[in-house]
C-alpha atoms as a PDB file:
ATOM      1  CA  MET A   1      19.027  -1.257 -71.086  1.00  0.00           C
ATOM      2  CA  ILE A   2      19.957   0.669 -74.244  1.00  0.00           C
ATOM      3  CA  GLU A   3      17.729   1.114 -77.267  1.00  0.00           C
ATOM      4  CA  ILE A   4      19.120  -0.130 -80.570  1.00  0.00           C
ATOM      5  CA  ASP A   5      19.402   2.567 -83.202  1.00  0.00           C
ATOM      6  CA  TRP A   6      17.852   0.627 -86.080  1.00  0.00           C
ATOM      7  CA  ALA A   7      18.773   3.415 -88.487  1.00  0.00           C
ATOM      8  CA  GLU A   8      22.385   2.432 -87.826  1.00  0.00           C
ATOM      9  CA  GLU A   9      21.605  -1.282 -88.046  1.00  0.00           C
ATOM     10  CA  ALA A  10      19.823  -0.849 -91.390  1.00  0.00           C
ATOM     11  CA  GLY A  11      23.078  -0.647 -93.347  1.00  0.00           C
ATOM     12  CA  ARG A  12      24.429  -3.820 -91.752  1.00  0.00           C
ATOM     13  CA  LEU A  13      21.225  -5.685 -92.538  1.00  0.00           C
ATOM     14  CA  ARG A  14      21.379  -4.495 -96.147  1.00  0.00           C
ATOM     15  CA  ALA A  15      24.993  -5.698 -96.403  1.00  0.00           C
ATOM     16  CA  SER A  16      23.938  -9.096 -95.050  1.00  0.00           C
ATOM     17  CA  ALA A  17      21.172  -9.290 -97.651  1.00  0.00           C
ATOM     18  CA  GLU A  18      23.642  -8.580-100.426  1.00  0.00           C
ATOM     19  CA  GLY A  19      26.352 -10.891 -99.097  1.00  0.00           C
ATOM     20  CA  GLU A  20      24.069 -13.892 -98.581  1.00  0.00           C
ATOM     21  CA  GLY A  21      22.398 -13.844-101.976  1.00  0.00           C
ATOM     22  CA  ASP A  22      23.476 -17.372-102.942  1.00  0.00           C
ATOM     23  CA  TRP A  23      22.333 -18.848 -99.613  1.00  0.00           C
ATOM     24  CA  ASN A  24      18.995 -17.051 -99.799  1.00  0.00           C
ATOM     25  CA  ALA A  25      18.413 -18.201-103.372  1.00  0.00           C
ATOM     26  CA  ALA A  26      19.163 -21.846-102.579  1.00  0.00           C
ATOM     27  CA  VAL A  27      16.936 -21.886 -99.492  1.00  0.00           C
ATOM     28  CA  ALA A  28      14.113 -20.063-101.284  1.00  0.00           C
ATOM     29  CA  ARG A  29      14.105 -22.601-104.109  1.00  0.00           C
ATOM     30  CA  SER A  30      13.877 -25.419-101.565  1.00  0.00           C
ATOM     31  CA  LEU A  31      10.898 -23.863 -99.762  1.00  0.00           C
ATOM     32  CA  VAL A  32       8.583 -22.691-102.542  1.00  0.00           C
ATOM     33  CA  ARG A  33       5.945 -24.817-104.242  1.00  0.00           C
ATOM     34  CA  ASP A  34       4.169 -24.558-107.552  1.00  0.00           C
ATOM     35  CA  GLY A  35       0.907 -22.795-106.877  1.00  0.00           C
ATOM     36  CA  ASP A  36       2.190 -20.557-104.080  1.00  0.00           C
ATOM     37  CA  LYS A  37       0.420 -17.245-104.562  1.00  0.00           C
ATOM     38  CA  VAL A  38       1.170 -15.262-101.381  1.00  0.00           C
ATOM     39  CA  VAL A  39       4.500 -15.388 -99.566  1.00  0.00           C
ATOM     40  CA  ALA A  40       5.706 -13.203 -96.679  1.00  0.00           C
ATOM     41  CA  ASP A  41       9.052 -12.488 -95.058  1.00  0.00           C
ATOM     42  CA  ILE A  42       8.361 -11.308 -91.503  1.00  0.00           C
ATOM     43  CA  GLY A  43      11.217  -9.337 -89.974  1.00  0.00           C
ATOM     44  CA  CYS A  44      12.723  -8.994 -93.439  1.00  0.00           C
ATOM     45  CA  GLY A  45      15.842  -7.043 -92.476  1.00  0.00           C
ATOM     46  CA  GLY A  46      17.620  -5.988 -95.661  1.00  0.00           C
ATOM     47  CA  GLY A  47      15.217  -7.941 -97.842  1.00  0.00           C
ATOM     48  CA  GLY A  48      17.563 -10.686 -98.974  1.00  0.00           C
ATOM     49  CA  MET A  49      15.157 -13.598 -98.577  1.00  0.00           C
ATOM     50  CA  ALA A  50      12.168 -11.576 -99.795  1.00  0.00           C
ATOM     51  CA  LYS A  51      14.041 -10.877-103.018  1.00  0.00           C
ATOM     52  CA  ALA A  52      15.066 -14.522-103.374  1.00  0.00           C
ATOM     53  CA  LEU A  53      11.480 -15.683-102.839  1.00  0.00           C
ATOM     54  CA  ALA A  54      10.205 -13.254-105.458  1.00  0.00           C
ATOM     55  CA  GLU A  55      12.779 -14.498-107.952  1.00  0.00           C
ATOM     56  CA  ALA A  56      11.871 -18.121-107.190  1.00  0.00           C
ATOM     57  CA  LEU A  57       8.130 -17.410-107.598  1.00  0.00           C
ATOM     58  CA  PRO A  58       7.620 -15.028-110.508  1.00  0.00           C
ATOM     59  CA  GLY A  59       4.000 -13.938-110.556  1.00  0.00           C
ATOM     60  CA  ALA A  60       3.386 -14.545-106.848  1.00  0.00           C
ATOM     61  CA  THR A  61       2.754 -11.755-104.336  1.00  0.00           C
ATOM     62  CA  VAL A  62       5.747 -11.468-102.006  1.00  0.00           C
ATOM     63  CA  VAL A  63       5.424  -9.173 -99.000  1.00  0.00           C
ATOM     64  CA  ALA A  64       8.407  -7.998 -96.959  1.00  0.00           C
ATOM     65  CA  VAL A  65       7.398  -6.890 -93.455  1.00  0.00           C
ATOM     66  CA  ASP A  66       9.541  -5.097 -90.903  1.00  0.00           C
ATOM     67  CA  ALA A  67       8.928  -2.973 -87.832  1.00  0.00           C
ATOM     68  CA  ASP A  68      11.481  -0.259 -88.576  1.00  0.00           C
ATOM     69  CA  PRO A  69      11.047   2.255 -91.416  1.00  0.00           C
ATOM     70  CA  ASP A  70      14.787   2.687 -91.998  1.00  0.00           C
ATOM     71  CA  VAL A  71      15.330  -1.040 -92.272  1.00  0.00           C
ATOM     72  CA  LEU A  72      12.276  -1.371 -94.510  1.00  0.00           C
ATOM     73  CA  GLU A  73      13.632   1.338 -96.815  1.00  0.00           C
ATOM     74  CA  GLN A  74      16.827  -0.684 -97.241  1.00  0.00           C
ATOM     75  CA  ALA A  75      14.723  -3.736 -98.089  1.00  0.00           C
ATOM     76  CA  ARG A  76      12.711  -1.666-100.567  1.00  0.00           C
ATOM     77  CA  GLN A  77      15.879  -0.549-102.320  1.00  0.00           C
ATOM     78  CA  HIS A  78      17.393  -4.041-102.316  1.00  0.00           C
ATOM     79  CA  THR A  79      14.295  -5.733-103.714  1.00  0.00           C
ATOM     80  CA  ALA A  80      13.903  -3.069-106.422  1.00  0.00           C
ATOM     81  CA  GLY A  81      10.154  -3.380-106.910  1.00  0.00           C
ATOM     82  CA  LEU A  82      10.035  -7.177-106.842  1.00  0.00           C
ATOM     83  CA  VAL A  83       8.148  -7.272-103.528  1.00  0.00           C
ATOM     84  CA  ARG A  84       5.645  -5.206-101.591  1.00  0.00           C
ATOM     85  CA  CYS A  85       7.174  -3.680 -98.449  1.00  0.00           C
ATOM     86  CA  GLU A  86       4.950  -3.114 -95.410  1.00  0.00           C
ATOM     87  CA  LEU A  87       5.584  -1.685 -91.951  1.00  0.00           C
ATOM     88  CA  ALA A  88       4.258  -3.850 -89.092  1.00  0.00           C
ATOM     89  CA  SER A  89       5.480  -5.164 -85.744  1.00  0.00           C
ATOM     90  CA  MET A  90       5.372  -8.737 -84.503  1.00  0.00           C
ATOM     91  CA  ASP A  91       5.085  -7.332 -80.970  1.00  0.00           C
ATOM     92  CA  GLU A  92       1.533  -6.218 -81.733  1.00  0.00           C
ATOM     93  CA  GLY A  93       0.216  -9.679 -82.536  1.00  0.00           C
ATOM     94  CA  ALA A  94      -1.280 -11.187 -85.652  1.00  0.00           C
ATOM     95  CA  GLU A  95      -3.658  -8.469 -86.828  1.00  0.00           C
ATOM     96  CA  PRO A  96      -1.130  -5.845 -88.007  1.00  0.00           C
ATOM     97  CA  LEU A  97       0.733  -8.605 -89.824  1.00  0.00           C
ATOM     98  CA  ARG A  98      -2.492  -9.901 -91.338  1.00  0.00           C
ATOM     99  CA  ARG A  99      -3.325  -6.424 -92.652  1.00  0.00           C
ATOM    100  CA  ALA A 100       0.182  -6.069 -94.066  1.00  0.00           C
ATOM    101  CA  ILE A 101       0.025  -9.370 -95.936  1.00  0.00           C
ATOM    102  CA  ASP A 102      -3.622  -8.801 -96.944  1.00  0.00           C
ATOM    103  CA  ALA A 103      -4.334 -12.489 -97.627  1.00  0.00           C
ATOM    104  CA  PRO A 104      -3.667 -15.892 -96.074  1.00  0.00           C
ATOM    105  CA  ALA A 105      -0.063 -16.848 -96.879  1.00  0.00           C
ATOM    106  CA  ASP A 106       1.092 -20.024 -98.562  1.00  0.00           C
ATOM    107  CA  LEU A 107       4.575 -19.577 -97.080  1.00  0.00           C
ATOM    108  CA  ILE A 108       5.853 -17.417 -94.225  1.00  0.00           C
ATOM    109  CA  TRP A 109       9.578 -17.006 -93.624  1.00  0.00           C
ATOM    110  CA  ALA A 110      10.944 -15.523 -90.392  1.00  0.00           C
ATOM    111  CA  SER A 111      14.706 -15.462 -89.919  1.00  0.00           C
ATOM    112  CA  ALA A 112      16.280 -14.541 -86.570  1.00  0.00           C
ATOM    113  CA  SER A 113      13.276 -12.377 -85.708  1.00  0.00           C
ATOM    114  CA  VAL A 114      11.134 -14.489 -83.380  1.00  0.00           C
ATOM    115  CA  HIS A 115      13.907 -14.704 -80.793  1.00  0.00           C
ATOM    116  CA  HIS A 116      13.516 -10.945 -80.273  1.00  0.00           C
ATOM    117  CA  ALA A 117       9.874 -11.325 -79.219  1.00  0.00           C
ATOM    118  CA  ALA A 118       9.293 -11.257 -75.468  1.00  0.00           C
ATOM    119  CA  ASP A 119       6.886 -14.209 -75.815  1.00  0.00           C
ATOM    120  CA  GLN A 120       8.330 -16.386 -78.549  1.00  0.00           C
ATOM    121  CA  GLN A 121       5.493 -18.919 -78.457  1.00  0.00           C
ATOM    122  CA  ALA A 122       2.917 -16.149 -78.857  1.00  0.00           C
ATOM    123  CA  ALA A 123       4.890 -14.865 -81.858  1.00  0.00           C
ATOM    124  CA  VAL A 124       4.924 -18.328 -83.453  1.00  0.00           C
ATOM    125  CA  ASP A 125       1.186 -18.641 -82.755  1.00  0.00           C
ATOM    126  CA  ALA A 126       0.584 -15.307 -84.482  1.00  0.00           C
ATOM    127  CA  LEU A 127       2.628 -16.270 -87.540  1.00  0.00           C
ATOM    128  CA  ALA A 128       0.901 -19.651 -87.796  1.00  0.00           C
ATOM    129  CA  SER A 129      -2.491 -17.955 -87.785  1.00  0.00           C
ATOM    130  CA  LEU A 130      -1.586 -16.122 -91.000  1.00  0.00           C
ATOM    131  CA  LEU A 131      -1.239 -19.298 -93.058  1.00  0.00           C
ATOM    132  CA  ALA A 132      -3.628 -20.575 -95.676  1.00  0.00           C
ATOM    133  CA  PRO A 133      -4.689 -24.231 -95.315  1.00  0.00           C
ATOM    134  CA  GLY A 134      -1.647 -26.339 -96.168  1.00  0.00           C
ATOM    135  CA  GLY A 135       0.644 -23.310 -95.882  1.00  0.00           C
ATOM    136  CA  ARG A 136       4.112 -23.514 -94.341  1.00  0.00           C
ATOM    137  CA  LEU A 137       5.807 -21.514 -91.620  1.00  0.00           C
ATOM    138  CA  ALA A 138       9.619 -21.598 -91.857  1.00  0.00           C
ATOM    139  CA  LEU A 139      11.639 -20.260 -88.921  1.00  0.00           C
ATOM    140  CA  ALA A 140      15.373 -19.776 -89.389  1.00  0.00           C
ATOM    141  CA  GLU A 141      16.623 -19.948 -85.816  1.00  0.00           C
ATOM    142  CA  GLY A 142      19.713 -21.492 -84.322  1.00  0.00           C
ATOM    143  CA  GLY A 143      22.145 -23.923 -85.880  1.00  0.00           C
ATOM    144  CA  LEU A 144      25.814 -24.169 -84.982  1.00  0.00           C
ATOM    145  CA  PRO A 145      28.226 -21.322 -84.207  1.00  0.00           C
ATOM    146  CA  ALA A 146      29.980 -20.270 -87.396  1.00  0.00           C
ATOM    147  CA  ARG A 147      33.718 -20.785 -87.690  1.00  0.00           C
ATOM    148  CA  TYR A 148      36.071 -18.307 -89.336  1.00  0.00           C
ATOM    149  CA  LEU A 149      39.448 -18.399 -87.560  1.00  0.00           C
ATOM    150  CA  PRO A 150      42.256 -20.908 -86.993  1.00  0.00           C
ATOM    151  CA  TRP A 151      42.326 -22.289 -83.462  1.00  0.00           C
ATOM    152  CA  ASP A 152      45.811 -20.811 -82.871  1.00  0.00           C
ATOM    153  CA  LEU A 153      46.246 -17.283 -84.225  1.00  0.00           C
ATOM    154  CA  GLY A 154      49.783 -16.702 -83.002  1.00  0.00           C
ATOM    155  CA  VAL A 155      48.643 -14.122 -80.463  1.00  0.00           C
ATOM    156  CA  GLY A 156      46.834 -14.712 -77.177  1.00  0.00           C
ATOM    157  CA  GLU A 157      45.599 -18.050 -75.922  1.00  0.00           C
ATOM    158  CA  PRO A 158      44.364 -20.519 -78.572  1.00  0.00           C
ATOM    159  CA  GLY A 159      40.614 -21.040 -78.812  1.00  0.00           C
ATOM    160  CA  LEU A 160      39.791 -17.322 -78.976  1.00  0.00           C
ATOM    161  CA  GLU A 161      36.771 -17.814 -81.240  1.00  0.00           C
ATOM    162  CA  LEU A 162      35.307 -20.466 -78.936  1.00  0.00           C
ATOM    163  CA  ARG A 163      35.460 -18.070 -76.000  1.00  0.00           C
ATOM    164  CA  LEU A 164      33.780 -15.367 -78.081  1.00  0.00           C
ATOM    165  CA  ASP A 165      30.901 -17.775 -78.771  1.00  0.00           C
ATOM    166  CA  LEU A 166      30.533 -18.434 -75.028  1.00  0.00           C
ATOM    167  CA  ALA A 167      30.521 -14.707 -74.267  1.00  0.00           C
ATOM    168  CA  GLN A 168      27.862 -14.061 -76.882  1.00  0.00           C
ATOM    169  CA  ASP A 169      25.766 -16.905 -75.510  1.00  0.00           C
ATOM    170  CA  ARG A 170      25.845 -15.286 -72.048  1.00  0.00           C
ATOM    171  CA  TRP A 171      24.939 -11.940 -73.637  1.00  0.00           C
ATOM    172  CA  PHE A 172      22.023 -13.528 -75.461  1.00  0.00           C
ATOM    173  CA  LYS A 173      20.679 -15.112 -72.272  1.00  0.00           C
ATOM    174  CA  VAL A 174      20.667 -11.781 -70.445  1.00  0.00           C
ATOM    175  CA  MET A 175      19.187 -10.019 -73.480  1.00  0.00           C
ATOM    176  CA  ARG A 176      16.266 -12.458 -73.502  1.00  0.00           C
ATOM    177  CA  GLU A 177      15.724 -12.123 -69.750  1.00  0.00           C
ATOM    178  CA  SER A 178      15.787  -8.321 -69.917  1.00  0.00           C
ATOM    179  CA  LEU A 179      13.028  -8.024 -72.525  1.00  0.00           C
ATOM    180  CA  PRO A 180       9.944  -6.402 -70.965  1.00  0.00           C
ATOM    181  CA  GLY A 181       7.466  -9.186 -70.249  1.00  0.00           C
ATOM    182  CA  SER A 182       9.943 -11.897 -71.242  1.00  0.00           C
ATOM    183  CA  VAL A 183       8.437 -15.402 -71.210  1.00  0.00           C
ATOM    184  CA  PRO A 184      10.744 -18.459 -71.134  1.00  0.00           C
ATOM    185  CA  MET A 185      10.381 -21.018 -73.916  1.00  0.00           C
ATOM    186  CA  PRO A 186      12.020 -24.127 -72.425  1.00  0.00           C
ATOM    187  CA  TYR A 187      11.596 -26.299 -75.523  1.00  0.00           C
ATOM    188  CA  GLY A 188      12.694 -26.379 -79.131  1.00  0.00           C
ATOM    189  CA  TRP A 189      11.358 -24.730 -82.254  1.00  0.00           C
ATOM    190  CA  THR A 190       9.599 -27.799 -83.646  1.00  0.00           C
ATOM    191  CA  GLU A 191       7.676 -28.075 -80.373  1.00  0.00           C
ATOM    192  CA  ALA A 192       6.765 -24.386 -80.654  1.00  0.00           C
ATOM    193  CA  LEU A 193       5.442 -24.999 -84.175  1.00  0.00           C
ATOM    194  CA  THR A 194       3.418 -27.976 -82.957  1.00  0.00           C
ATOM    195  CA  ARG A 195       1.964 -26.000 -80.040  1.00  0.00           C
ATOM    196  CA  ALA A 196       0.922 -23.367 -82.590  1.00  0.00           C
ATOM    197  CA  GLY A 197      -1.303 -25.971 -84.233  1.00  0.00           C
ATOM    198  CA  LEU A 198       0.986 -26.853 -87.143  1.00  0.00           C
ATOM    199  CA  THR A 199       1.693 -30.402 -88.246  1.00  0.00           C
ATOM    200  CA  ASP A 200       4.697 -32.445 -89.378  1.00  0.00           C
ATOM    201  CA  ALA A 201       7.117 -29.980 -87.810  1.00  0.00           C
ATOM    202  CA  THR A 202      10.676 -30.775 -88.773  1.00  0.00           C
ATOM    203  CA  THR A 203      14.138 -29.243 -88.957  1.00  0.00           C
ATOM    204  CA  ARG A 204      16.769 -29.246 -91.618  1.00  0.00           C
ATOM    205  CA  SER A 205      20.118 -27.520 -91.446  1.00  0.00           C
ATOM    206  CA  VAL A 206      22.019 -25.911 -94.287  1.00  0.00           C
ATOM    207  CA  LEU A 207      25.806 -25.923 -94.370  1.00  0.00           C
ATOM    208  CA  THR A 208      27.591 -23.057 -96.087  1.00  0.00           C
ATOM    209  CA  GLU A 209      31.334 -23.160 -96.678  1.00  0.00           C
ATOM    210  CA  THR A 210      33.680 -20.654 -98.275  1.00  0.00           C
ATOM    211  CA  PRO A 211      37.236 -21.975 -98.063  1.00  0.00           C
ATOM    212  CA  ALA A 212      40.348 -19.910 -97.560  1.00  0.00           C
ATOM    213  CA  PRO A 213      41.598 -17.659 -98.956  1.00  0.00           C
ATOM    214  CA  LEU A 214      38.597 -15.339 -98.941  1.00  0.00           C
ATOM    215  CA  THR A 215      38.256 -12.648-101.564  1.00  0.00           C
ATOM    216  CA  PRO A 216      39.371  -9.189-100.412  1.00  0.00           C
ATOM    217  CA  GLU A 217      35.730  -8.049-100.342  1.00  0.00           C
ATOM    218  CA  ARG A 218      34.583 -11.039 -98.281  1.00  0.00           C
ATOM    219  CA  LEU A 219      37.555 -10.672 -95.950  1.00  0.00           C
ATOM    220  CA  GLU A 220      36.838  -6.996 -95.354  1.00  0.00           C
ATOM    221  CA  GLY A 221      33.177  -7.777 -94.687  1.00  0.00           C
ATOM    222  CA  LEU A 222      34.190 -10.424 -92.150  1.00  0.00           C
ATOM    223  CA  VAL A 223      36.533  -8.013 -90.372  1.00  0.00           C
ATOM    224  CA  GLN A 224      33.767  -5.405 -90.177  1.00  0.00           C
ATOM    225  CA  ALA A 225      31.391  -8.016 -88.762  1.00  0.00           C
ATOM    226  CA  PHE A 226      33.945  -8.914 -86.084  1.00  0.00           C
ATOM    227  CA  ARG A 227      34.359  -5.226 -85.233  1.00  0.00           C
ATOM    228  CA  THR A 228      30.613  -4.940 -84.610  1.00  0.00           C
ATOM    229  CA  ARG A 229      30.533  -8.152 -82.608  1.00  0.00           C
ATOM    230  CA  ILE A 230      33.524  -7.244 -80.435  1.00  0.00           C
ATOM    231  CA  ALA A 231      32.140  -3.757 -79.768  1.00  0.00           C
ATOM    232  CA  ARG A 232      28.951  -5.388 -78.488  1.00  0.00           C
ATOM    233  CA  MET A 233      30.873  -7.839 -76.317  1.00  0.00           C
ATOM    234  CA  ALA A 234      32.926  -4.933 -74.955  1.00  0.00           C
ATOM    235  CA  GLY A 235      29.749  -3.084 -73.991  1.00  0.00           C
ATOM    236  CA  GLU A 236      30.544  -0.324 -76.482  1.00  0.00           C
ATOM    237  CA  GLY A 237      27.949  -0.567 -79.206  1.00  0.00           C
ATOM    238  CA  HIS A 238      24.532  -1.478 -80.419  1.00  0.00           C
ATOM    239  CA  GLY A 239      23.655  -4.894 -81.688  1.00  0.00           C
ATOM    240  CA  SER A 240      20.726  -7.190 -82.155  1.00  0.00           C
ATOM    241  CA  GLY A 241      22.167 -10.435 -80.834  1.00  0.00           C
ATOM    242  CA  HIS A 242      22.118 -13.556 -83.023  1.00  0.00           C
ATOM    243  CA  GLY A 243      21.025 -13.363 -86.595  1.00  0.00           C
ATOM    244  CA  HIS A 244      20.080 -10.968 -89.400  1.00  0.00           C
ATOM    245  CA  GLY A 245      16.394 -10.138 -89.290  1.00  0.00           C
ATOM    246  CA  HIS A 246      14.054  -8.452 -86.865  1.00  0.00           C
ATOM    247  CA  GLY A 247      10.329  -8.040 -86.591  1.00  0.00           C
ATOM    248  CA  HIS A 248       9.888  -6.441 -83.184  1.00  0.00           C
ATOM    249  CA  GLY A 249       8.806  -2.923 -82.413  1.00  0.00           C
ATOM    250  CA  HIS A 250      11.678  -1.792 -80.224  1.00  0.00           C
ATOM    251  CA  GLY A 251      15.387  -2.358 -79.951  1.00  0.00           C
ATOM    252  CA  HIS A 252      17.213  -3.591 -76.915  1.00  0.00           C
ATOM    253  CA  VAL A 253      20.724  -4.320 -75.816  1.00  0.00           C
ATOM    254  CA  VAL A 254      22.110  -4.907 -72.383  1.00  0.00           C
ATOM    255  CA  ALA A 255      23.697  -1.828 -70.862  1.00  0.00           C
ATOM    256  CA  ASP A 256      27.442  -1.400 -70.704  1.00  0.00           C
ATOM    257  CA  GLU A 257      29.074  -4.582 -69.527  1.00  0.00           C
ATOM    258  CA  GLU A 258      32.158  -6.357 -70.766  1.00  0.00           C
ATOM    259  CA  TRP A 259      31.382  -9.933 -71.709  1.00  0.00           C
ATOM    260  CA  LEU A 260      34.915 -10.863 -72.749  1.00  0.00           C
ATOM    261  CA  GLU A 261      37.854 -11.340 -70.409  1.00  0.00           C
ATOM    262  CA  PRO A 262      40.247  -8.349 -70.553  1.00  0.00           C
ATOM    263  CA  GLU A 263      43.026 -10.527 -71.970  1.00  0.00           C
ATOM    264  CA  ASP A 264      40.851 -11.706 -74.851  1.00  0.00           C
ATOM    265  CA  LEU A 265      39.496  -8.221 -75.503  1.00  0.00           C
ATOM    266  CA  ALA A 266      43.070  -6.944 -75.792  1.00  0.00           C
ATOM    267  CA  VAL A 267      43.837  -9.663 -78.349  1.00  0.00           C
ATOM    268  CA  TRP A 268      40.763  -8.799 -80.392  1.00  0.00           C
ATOM    269  CA  LYS A 269      41.840  -5.170 -80.504  1.00  0.00           C
ATOM    270  CA  GLN A 270      45.169  -6.285 -81.963  1.00  0.00           C
ATOM    271  CA  LEU A 271      43.466  -8.518 -84.507  1.00  0.00           C
ATOM    272  CA  LEU A 272      41.217  -5.675 -85.658  1.00  0.00           C
ATOM    273  CA  ASP A 273      43.945  -3.011 -85.790  1.00  0.00           C
ATOM    274  CA  ALA A 274      44.595  -2.400 -89.507  1.00  0.00           C
ATOM    275  CA  ASP A 275      48.029  -0.914 -88.692  1.00  0.00           C
ATOM    276  CA  GLY A 276      49.103  -3.695 -86.336  1.00  0.00           C
ATOM    277  CA  PRO A 277      51.090  -6.864 -87.071  1.00  0.00           C
ATOM    278  CA  TYR A 278      48.196  -9.249 -86.338  1.00  0.00           C
ATOM    279  CA  TYR A 279      45.459  -7.646 -88.475  1.00  0.00           C
ATOM    280  CA  LEU A 280      42.906 -10.227 -89.605  1.00  0.00           C
ATOM    281  CA  GLY A 281      42.390  -8.384 -92.887  1.00  0.00           C
ATOM    282  CA  ARG A 282      45.844  -9.476 -94.096  1.00  0.00           C
ATOM    283  CA  ARG A 283      45.466 -13.174 -93.302  1.00  0.00           C
ATOM    284  CA  ARG A 284      44.983 -15.807 -96.002  1.00  0.00           C
ATOM    285  CA  ASP A 285      43.736 -18.567 -93.681  1.00  0.00           C
ATOM    286  CA  LEU A 286      40.304 -17.207 -92.715  1.00  0.00           C
ATOM    287  CA  ALA A 287      37.328 -19.166 -94.015  1.00  0.00           C
ATOM    288  CA  VAL A 288      33.563 -19.394 -93.502  1.00  0.00           C
ATOM    289  CA  LEU A 289      31.860 -22.527 -92.185  1.00  0.00           C
ATOM    290  CA  SER A 290      28.244 -22.001 -91.129  1.00  0.00           C
ATOM    291  CA  VAL A 291      25.362 -24.330 -90.272  1.00  0.00           C
ATOM    292  CA  ARG A 292      21.953 -22.660 -89.982  1.00  0.00           C
ATOM    293  CA  SER A 293      18.747 -24.470 -89.032  1.00  0.00           C
ATOM    294  CA  ILE A 294      15.316 -24.026 -90.614  1.00  0.00           C
ATOM    295  CA  HIS A 295      12.259 -25.310 -88.753  1.00  0.00           C
ATOM    296  CA  VAL A 296       9.120 -25.869 -90.834  1.00  0.00           C
ATOM    297  CA  GLY A 297       5.533 -26.620 -89.814  1.00  0.00           C
ATOM    298  CA  TYR A 298       2.396 -27.067 -91.951  1.00  0.00           C
ATOM    299  CA  ALA A 299      -1.061 -25.621 -91.447  1.00  0.00           C
ATOM    300  CA  PRO A 300      -3.815 -28.268 -91.470  1.00  0.00           C
ATOM    301  CA  ARG A 301      -5.865 -28.433 -94.663  1.00  0.00           C
END
């Protein structure tokens, strides 16, 4: 097991916050209600959703919470005084989070952070306990694997991206099992919300599409994201698994192991070689198609 260097991850999380501004803004507008006074983003990462919530609720108190000081500093810079940034870990239960928020919350957002908790149900229970009567807990977890590449790239066997998804799924399974004190959660997120005492738990999924050709900036960002992902699948680098946020107190990745077949890894190295003939950064047929799920439950009044 290798500790994640969150100081290194902080820049990536900040880039995600900046690159997903439109998605964050649209989701924030759909979640807030008139009269919301206290809103929290738990495992805020680069602060993208915290900023969007503050912009959607001028006058409300928005608190961005993260367990890592370097990541929190990136969120502080990104939100530029719009939110209050607090250091607290989901691993330590509800009380540190309660002190950080300093009031019952009308809305709590947690994106790709609960799946890093050893006991995911306990984490959902803790978040639910922070809600004011009638408040909402929104968990952004899961969805469908994003699609970026054509099925046939002209190098290697077709279906390369599908095999990368399968490799990452195996990685994620072992990551979960290797967490100290890991507890299985053999049911879905709406059931977890219900078991936490919330009502009317439901899911909605948000589709995001950016058609080809991507702008040079978006294309370069996508190539960099693939570099990080392939390094993780090759057992070379740090990485936090699925998603963009984190609220846990310690990092974790599975020690050096190659999750991709050697033939596919060799193809990826060609695709990510800026001087090679197959470099993804010169293609005009890459796109973004993403479906992300948001699970919402309501505290009883």
